[in-house]
Amino acid sequence: MMGLIPADAAIRSSAGVRWAMGATTAAVVAADQISKSLVLAAGPADNAGLGWVQVRLVRNTGTAGGLWPAHPVLVTLAALAVTAIAASFALRSQGKVAALCLAAVLGGAVGNLSDRLFRAPGFGRGGVVDWIHFGGSGGSMNLSDIAIQFGVIGAILAIVVGDRARKRREAGATGESRRAGEAGPAAEAREGRLPNHRRRNRPQSAARPPPPASS
């Protein structure tokens, strides 16, 4: 497994990063599944809750946005592919912060995939339990959806910031090397020393004629 992961991937950097990524993914899955089970057990009335955050229970057998609800098996296969892609990005990410954000994305993908695999009406045909409704928005979502959205945003920001910082470091190292190369000959000239090839090419001064003999 580790042989398929690039050598510069964050998950290879330390055991702490691996534990943090695993814990992030597991925490998202656990929070998502527990919250869904509690909402289903409580059976709250629609639009219960605060003014801008309400509980509106929906079972979605389609994709995000409710597309293809009549083809749950195809949607489940697509969810499997999305989960595999999320796992690949998380395992191959080079930045630690980006890797943790992508681990949250993976947790969200696994949480929704679990609904499609194991919830009613049957294996591979289950509906994703959406229950969080924000005022003014059209549909409901769940904790997995929130983890996916914020995880993607966080990973993109971490990658952009990390790339800019790397370019600044490389530019600074190049500038220091150039200054050091230019300072070498200047220091030698101040000390009256020249490199050997310059010393060999320096023209020799003409010999002075002997002074005339005194009469």
C-alpha atoms as a PDB file:
ATOM      1  CA  MET A   1       0.000   0.000   0.000  1.00  0.00           C
ATOM      2  CA  MET A   2       2.705   2.482   1.008  1.00  0.00           C
ATOM      3  CA  GLY A   3       4.604   1.593  -2.154  1.00  0.00           C
ATOM      4  CA  LEU A   4       1.850   3.255  -4.204  1.00  0.00           C
ATOM      5  CA  ILE A   5       2.142   6.509  -2.240  1.00  0.00           C
ATOM      6  CA  PRO A   6       4.726   9.092  -3.417  1.00  0.00           C
ATOM      7  CA  ALA A   7       7.801   9.505  -1.248  1.00  0.00           C
ATOM      8  CA  ASP A   8       7.046  13.194  -0.629  1.00  0.00           C
ATOM      9  CA  ALA A   9       3.438  12.600   0.468  1.00  0.00           C
ATOM     10  CA  ALA A  10       2.476  14.059   3.850  1.00  0.00           C
ATOM     11  CA  ILE A  11       1.229  10.710   5.125  1.00  0.00           C
ATOM     12  CA  ARG A  12       4.782   9.371   4.840  1.00  0.00           C
ATOM     13  CA  SER A  13       6.291  12.237   6.849  1.00  0.00           C
ATOM     14  CA  SER A  14       5.455  10.939  10.339  1.00  0.00           C
ATOM     15  CA  ALA A  15       3.221   8.600  12.278  1.00  0.00           C
ATOM     16  CA  GLY A  16       1.524  11.634  13.823  1.00  0.00           C
ATOM     17  CA  VAL A  17       0.264  12.782  10.430  1.00  0.00           C
ATOM     18  CA  ARG A  18      -1.065   9.299   9.664  1.00  0.00           C
ATOM     19  CA  TRP A  19      -2.877   9.153  13.011  1.00  0.00           C
ATOM     20  CA  ALA A  20      -4.302  12.653  12.528  1.00  0.00           C
ATOM     21  CA  MET A  21      -5.598  11.838   9.049  1.00  0.00           C
ATOM     22  CA  GLY A  22      -7.132   8.574  10.202  1.00  0.00           C
ATOM     23  CA  ALA A  23      -8.719  10.239  13.232  1.00  0.00           C
ATOM     24  CA  THR A  24     -10.146  13.043  11.070  1.00  0.00           C
ATOM     25  CA  THR A  25     -11.737  10.601   8.646  1.00  0.00           C
ATOM     26  CA  ALA A  26     -13.118   8.416  11.450  1.00  0.00           C
ATOM     27  CA  ALA A  27     -14.471  11.426  13.374  1.00  0.00           C
ATOM     28  CA  VAL A  28     -16.367  12.727  10.337  1.00  0.00           C
ATOM     29  CA  VAL A  29     -17.883   9.302   9.617  1.00  0.00           C
ATOM     30  CA  ALA A  30     -18.852   8.748  13.263  1.00  0.00           C
ATOM     31  CA  ALA A  31     -20.384  12.205  13.712  1.00  0.00           C
ATOM     32  CA  ASP A  32     -22.292  11.871  10.453  1.00  0.00           C
ATOM     33  CA  GLN A  33     -23.736   8.423  11.146  1.00  0.00           C
ATOM     34  CA  ILE A  34     -24.586   9.131  14.783  1.00  0.00           C
ATOM     35  CA  SER A  35     -26.348  12.389  13.946  1.00  0.00           C
ATOM     36  CA  LYS A  36     -28.372  10.704  11.186  1.00  0.00           C
ATOM     37  CA  SER A  37     -29.413   7.865  13.477  1.00  0.00           C
ATOM     38  CA  LEU A  38     -30.474  10.295  16.200  1.00  0.00           C
ATOM     39  CA  VAL A  39     -32.530  12.377  13.775  1.00  0.00           C
ATOM     40  CA  LEU A  40     -34.228   9.276  12.355  1.00  0.00           C
ATOM     41  CA  ALA A  41     -34.968   7.962  15.847  1.00  0.00           C
ATOM     42  CA  ALA A  42     -36.395  11.283  17.015  1.00  0.00           C
ATOM     43  CA  GLY A  43     -38.495  11.804  13.904  1.00  0.00           C
ATOM     44  CA  PRO A  44     -38.643  15.599  14.259  1.00  0.00           C
ATOM     45  CA  ALA A  45     -41.250  17.655  12.496  1.00  0.00           C
ATOM     46  CA  ASP A  46     -40.104  19.536   9.423  1.00  0.00           C
ATOM     47  CA  ASN A  47     -38.713  23.041   9.938  1.00  0.00           C
ATOM     48  CA  ALA A  48     -37.988  22.389  13.623  1.00  0.00           C
ATOM     49  CA  GLY A  49     -35.042  24.268  15.079  1.00  0.00           C
ATOM     50  CA  LEU A  50     -33.650  27.774  14.994  1.00  0.00           C
ATOM     51  CA  GLY A  51     -34.624  30.445  12.541  1.00  0.00           C
ATOM     52  CA  TRP A  52     -31.745  30.041  10.078  1.00  0.00           C
ATOM     53  CA  VAL A  53     -30.881  26.388  10.823  1.00  0.00           C
ATOM     54  CA  GLN A  54     -33.765  23.931  10.681  1.00  0.00           C
ATOM     55  CA  VAL A  55     -34.316  20.178  10.578  1.00  0.00           C
ATOM     56  CA  ARG A  56     -35.858  19.045   7.309  1.00  0.00           C
ATOM     57  CA  LEU A  57     -35.534  15.277   6.891  1.00  0.00           C
ATOM     58  CA  VAL A  58     -35.011  14.005   3.337  1.00  0.00           C
ATOM     59  CA  ARG A  59     -33.892  10.626   1.977  1.00  0.00           C
ATOM     60  CA  ASN A  60     -31.977  11.266  -1.216  1.00  0.00           C
ATOM     61  CA  THR A  61     -31.456   8.284  -3.534  1.00  0.00           C
ATOM     62  CA  GLY A  62     -30.013  10.535  -6.236  1.00  0.00           C
ATOM     63  CA  THR A  63     -26.849  12.576  -6.527  1.00  0.00           C
ATOM     64  CA  ALA A  64     -26.209  15.874  -4.802  1.00  0.00           C
ATOM     65  CA  GLY A  65     -29.040  18.146  -5.783  1.00  0.00           C
ATOM     66  CA  GLY A  66     -31.447  15.219  -6.224  1.00  0.00           C
ATOM     67  CA  LEU A  67     -30.398  14.164  -9.731  1.00  0.00           C
ATOM     68  CA  TRP A  68     -31.032  10.606 -10.973  1.00  0.00           C
ATOM     69  CA  PRO A  69     -33.204   9.467  -8.024  1.00  0.00           C
ATOM     70  CA  ALA A  70     -34.598   6.601 -10.115  1.00  0.00           C
ATOM     71  CA  HIS A  71     -31.123   5.044 -10.614  1.00  0.00           C
ATOM     72  CA  PRO A  72     -29.777   4.457  -7.087  1.00  0.00           C
ATOM     73  CA  VAL A  73     -27.407   1.648  -8.087  1.00  0.00           C
ATOM     74  CA  LEU A  74     -25.655   3.818 -10.664  1.00  0.00           C
ATOM     75  CA  VAL A  75     -25.456   6.631  -8.141  1.00  0.00           C
ATOM     76  CA  THR A  76     -23.911   4.235  -5.613  1.00  0.00           C
ATOM     77  CA  LEU A  77     -21.279   3.160  -8.148  1.00  0.00           C
ATOM     78  CA  ALA A  78     -20.504   6.811  -8.824  1.00  0.00           C
ATOM     79  CA  ALA A  79     -20.212   7.403  -5.068  1.00  0.00           C
ATOM     80  CA  LEU A  80     -17.723   4.519  -4.865  1.00  0.00           C
ATOM     81  CA  ALA A  81     -15.608   6.168  -7.582  1.00  0.00           C
ATOM     82  CA  VAL A  82     -15.757   9.547  -5.817  1.00  0.00           C
ATOM     83  CA  THR A  83     -14.679   7.928  -2.541  1.00  0.00           C
ATOM     84  CA  ALA A  84     -11.731   6.246  -4.270  1.00  0.00           C
ATOM     85  CA  ILE A  85     -10.676   9.555  -5.832  1.00  0.00           C
ATOM     86  CA  ALA A  86     -10.929  11.318  -2.465  1.00  0.00           C
ATOM     87  CA  ALA A  87      -8.773   8.617  -0.856  1.00  0.00           C
ATOM     88  CA  SER A  88      -6.186   8.942  -3.640  1.00  0.00           C
ATOM     89  CA  PHE A  89      -5.928  12.718  -3.217  1.00  0.00           C
ATOM     90  CA  ALA A  90      -5.661  12.408   0.573  1.00  0.00           C
ATOM     91  CA  LEU A  91      -2.901   9.795   0.380  1.00  0.00           C
ATOM     92  CA  ARG A  92      -0.903  11.664  -2.285  1.00  0.00           C
ATOM     93  CA  SER A  93      -1.168  15.177  -0.826  1.00  0.00           C
ATOM     94  CA  GLN A  94       2.211  16.724   0.009  1.00  0.00           C
ATOM     95  CA  GLY A  95       1.100  19.403   2.473  1.00  0.00           C
ATOM     96  CA  LYS A  96       0.046  18.358   5.971  1.00  0.00           C
ATOM     97  CA  VAL A  97      -2.828  20.841   6.231  1.00  0.00           C
ATOM     98  CA  ALA A  98      -4.123  19.898   2.785  1.00  0.00           C
ATOM     99  CA  ALA A  99      -3.861  16.214   3.702  1.00  0.00           C
ATOM    100  CA  LEU A 100      -5.970  16.746   6.834  1.00  0.00           C
ATOM    101  CA  CYS A 101      -8.590  18.672   4.849  1.00  0.00           C
ATOM    102  CA  LEU A 102      -8.718  15.906   2.254  1.00  0.00           C
ATOM    103  CA  ALA A 103      -9.051  13.355   5.060  1.00  0.00           C
ATOM    104  CA  ALA A 104     -12.216  15.217   6.087  1.00  0.00           C
ATOM    105  CA  VAL A 105     -13.423  15.048   2.479  1.00  0.00           C
ATOM    106  CA  LEU A 106     -12.772  11.302   2.508  1.00  0.00           C
ATOM    107  CA  GLY A 107     -14.730  10.963   5.739  1.00  0.00           C
ATOM    108  CA  GLY A 108     -17.681  12.783   4.185  1.00  0.00           C
ATOM    109  CA  ALA A 109     -17.582  10.580   1.095  1.00  0.00           C
ATOM    110  CA  VAL A 110     -17.487   7.435   3.243  1.00  0.00           C
ATOM    111  CA  GLY A 111     -20.355   8.704   5.396  1.00  0.00           C
ATOM    112  CA  ASN A 112     -22.685   9.240   2.451  1.00  0.00           C
ATOM    113  CA  LEU A 113     -21.525   6.039   0.778  1.00  0.00           C
ATOM    114  CA  SER A 114     -22.454   4.119   3.937  1.00  0.00           C
ATOM    115  CA  ASP A 115     -26.014   5.393   3.609  1.00  0.00           C
ATOM    116  CA  ARG A 116     -26.234   4.206   0.025  1.00  0.00           C
ATOM    117  CA  LEU A 117     -24.846   0.791   0.892  1.00  0.00           C
ATOM    118  CA  PHE A 118     -26.573  -0.049   4.164  1.00  0.00           C
ATOM    119  CA  ARG A 119     -29.732   2.018   4.633  1.00  0.00           C
ATOM    120  CA  ALA A 120     -33.249   1.319   3.372  1.00  0.00           C
ATOM    121  CA  PRO A 121     -34.564   0.204   0.985  1.00  0.00           C
ATOM    122  CA  GLY A 122     -31.646  -2.187   0.434  1.00  0.00           C
ATOM    123  CA  PHE A 123     -27.963  -2.764  -0.174  1.00  0.00           C
ATOM    124  CA  GLY A 124     -26.622  -0.389  -2.819  1.00  0.00           C
ATOM    125  CA  ARG A 125     -29.993   1.333  -3.164  1.00  0.00           C
ATOM    126  CA  GLY A 126     -30.172   3.239   0.095  1.00  0.00           C
ATOM    127  CA  GLY A 127     -31.043   6.873   0.378  1.00  0.00           C
ATOM    128  CA  VAL A 128     -28.649   9.414   1.902  1.00  0.00           C
ATOM    129  CA  VAL A 129     -30.164  10.955   5.029  1.00  0.00           C
ATOM    130  CA  ASP A 130     -30.163  14.750   4.672  1.00  0.00           C
ATOM    131  CA  TRP A 131     -31.498  16.686   7.631  1.00  0.00           C
ATOM    132  CA  ILE A 132     -29.774  20.072   7.981  1.00  0.00           C
ATOM    133  CA  HIS A 133     -31.600  22.895   6.238  1.00  0.00           C
ATOM    134  CA  PHE A 134     -30.260  26.437   6.154  1.00  0.00           C
ATOM    135  CA  GLY A 135     -32.741  29.236   5.744  1.00  0.00           C
ATOM    136  CA  GLY A 136     -32.861  30.512   2.205  1.00  0.00           C
ATOM    137  CA  SER A 137     -31.263  27.383   0.669  1.00  0.00           C
ATOM    138  CA  GLY A 138     -33.191  25.014  -1.522  1.00  0.00           C
ATOM    139  CA  GLY A 139     -32.322  21.600  -0.098  1.00  0.00           C
ATOM    140  CA  SER A 140     -31.126  19.781   2.983  1.00  0.00           C
ATOM    141  CA  MET A 141     -27.676  18.422   3.718  1.00  0.00           C
ATOM    142  CA  ASN A 142     -25.848  16.472   6.415  1.00  0.00           C
ATOM    143  CA  LEU A 143     -22.559  16.595   8.300  1.00  0.00           C
ATOM    144  CA  SER A 144     -20.797  14.637   5.548  1.00  0.00           C
ATOM    145  CA  ASP A 145     -21.804  17.249   2.981  1.00  0.00           C
ATOM    146  CA  ILE A 146     -20.494  20.014   5.231  1.00  0.00           C
ATOM    147  CA  ALA A 147     -17.187  18.159   5.753  1.00  0.00           C
ATOM    148  CA  ILE A 148     -16.798  17.677   2.000  1.00  0.00           C
ATOM    149  CA  GLN A 149     -17.472  21.317   1.166  1.00  0.00           C
ATOM    150  CA  PHE A 150     -15.246  22.840   3.843  1.00  0.00           C
ATOM    151  CA  GLY A 151     -12.584  20.167   3.307  1.00  0.00           C
ATOM    152  CA  VAL A 152     -12.322  20.962  -0.397  1.00  0.00           C
ATOM    153  CA  ILE A 153     -12.136  24.703   0.276  1.00  0.00           C
ATOM    154  CA  GLY A 154      -9.519  24.211   2.992  1.00  0.00           C
ATOM    155  CA  ALA A 155      -7.415  21.909   0.807  1.00  0.00           C
ATOM    156  CA  ILE A 156      -7.430  24.375  -2.105  1.00  0.00           C
ATOM    157  CA  LEU A 157      -6.413  27.258   0.160  1.00  0.00           C
ATOM    158  CA  ALA A 158      -3.674  25.174   1.798  1.00  0.00           C
ATOM    159  CA  ILE A 159      -2.280  24.126  -1.579  1.00  0.00           C
ATOM    160  CA  VAL A 160      -2.284  27.681  -2.939  1.00  0.00           C
ATOM    161  CA  VAL A 161      -0.669  29.158   0.198  1.00  0.00           C
ATOM    162  CA  GLY A 162       1.898  26.360   0.369  1.00  0.00           C
ATOM    163  CA  ASP A 163       2.811  26.754  -3.299  1.00  0.00           C
ATOM    164  CA  ARG A 164       3.349  30.498  -2.880  1.00  0.00           C
ATOM    165  CA  ALA A 165       5.498  29.961   0.210  1.00  0.00           C
ATOM    166  CA  ARG A 166       7.590  27.373  -1.636  1.00  0.00           C
ATOM    167  CA  LYS A 167       8.149  29.758  -4.553  1.00  0.00           C
ATOM    168  CA  ARG A 168       9.230  32.526  -2.158  1.00  0.00           C
ATOM    169  CA  ARG A 169      11.718  30.181  -0.483  1.00  0.00           C
ATOM    170  CA  GLU A 170      13.128  29.096  -3.829  1.00  0.00           C
ATOM    171  CA  ALA A 171      13.419  32.695  -5.014  1.00  0.00           C
ATOM    172  CA  GLY A 172      15.177  33.672  -1.785  1.00  0.00           C
ATOM    173  CA  ALA A 173      17.622  30.767  -2.040  1.00  0.00           C
ATOM    174  CA  THR A 174      18.389  31.647  -5.676  1.00  0.00           C
ATOM    175  CA  GLY A 175      18.999  35.301  -4.759  1.00  0.00           C
ATOM    176  CA  GLU A 176      21.336  34.365  -1.918  1.00  0.00           C
ATOM    177  CA  SER A 177      23.327  32.039  -4.181  1.00  0.00           C
ATOM    178  CA  ARG A 178      23.641  34.754  -6.813  1.00  0.00           C
ATOM    179  CA  ARG A 179      24.757  37.341  -4.268  1.00  0.00           C
ATOM    180  CA  ALA A 180      27.281  34.934  -2.819  1.00  0.00           C
ATOM    181  CA  GLY A 181      28.686  34.250  -6.300  1.00  0.00           C
ATOM    182  CA  GLU A 182      29.000  37.948  -7.058  1.00  0.00           C
ATOM    183  CA  ALA A 183      30.547  38.761  -3.694  1.00  0.00           C
ATOM    184  CA  GLY A 184      33.419  36.260  -4.101  1.00  0.00           C
ATOM    185  CA  PRO A 185      35.444  38.032  -6.842  1.00  0.00           C
ATOM    186  CA  ALA A 186      34.730  41.434  -5.300  1.00  0.00           C
ATOM    187  CA  ALA A 187      36.143  40.349  -1.944  1.00  0.00           C
ATOM    188  CA  GLU A 188      39.237  38.892  -3.608  1.00  0.00           C
ATOM    189  CA  ALA A 189      39.807  42.117  -5.516  1.00  0.00           C
ATOM    190  CA  ARG A 190      39.606  44.130  -2.287  1.00  0.00           C
ATOM    191  CA  GLU A 191      42.168  41.857  -0.668  1.00  0.00           C
ATOM    192  CA  GLY A 192      44.529  42.128  -3.651  1.00  0.00           C
ATOM    193  CA  ARG A 193      44.092  38.509  -4.638  1.00  0.00           C
ATOM    194  CA  LEU A 194      43.025  37.321  -8.071  1.00  0.00           C
ATOM    195  CA  PRO A 195      42.014  33.862  -9.218  1.00  0.00           C
ATOM    196  CA  ASN A 196      44.784  31.800 -10.788  1.00  0.00           C
ATOM    197  CA  HIS A 197      43.448  32.090 -14.337  1.00  0.00           C
ATOM    198  CA  ARG A 198      43.294  35.883 -13.979  1.00  0.00           C
ATOM    199  CA  ARG A 199      46.768  35.969 -12.484  1.00  0.00           C
ATOM    200  CA  ARG A 200      48.155  33.977 -15.420  1.00  0.00           C
ATOM    201  CA  ASN A 201      46.502  36.267 -17.935  1.00  0.00           C
ATOM    202  CA  ARG A 202      47.628  39.486 -16.265  1.00  0.00           C
ATOM    203  CA  PRO A 203      50.122  41.300 -18.574  1.00  0.00           C
ATOM    204  CA  GLN A 204      53.677  41.544 -17.300  1.00  0.00           C
ATOM    205  CA  SER A 205      55.131  45.043 -16.893  1.00  0.00           C
ATOM    206  CA  ALA A 206      57.931  45.925 -19.324  1.00  0.00           C
ATOM    207  CA  ALA A 207      61.478  45.657 -17.926  1.00  0.00           C
ATOM    208  CA  ARG A 208      63.014  48.997 -17.089  1.00  0.00           C
ATOM    209  CA  PRO A 209      66.303  49.824 -18.908  1.00  0.00           C
ATOM    210  CA  PRO A 210      69.399  50.025 -16.665  1.00  0.00           C
ATOM    211  CA  PRO A 211      70.350  53.538 -15.606  1.00  0.00           C
ATOM    212  CA  PRO A 212      73.204  55.127 -17.609  1.00  0.00           C
ATOM    213  CA  ALA A 213      76.703  54.748 -16.182  1.00  0.00           C
ATOM    214  CA  SER A 214      78.015  57.887 -14.528  1.00  0.00           C
ATOM    215  CA  SER A 215      81.127  59.442 -16.132  1.00  0.00           C
END
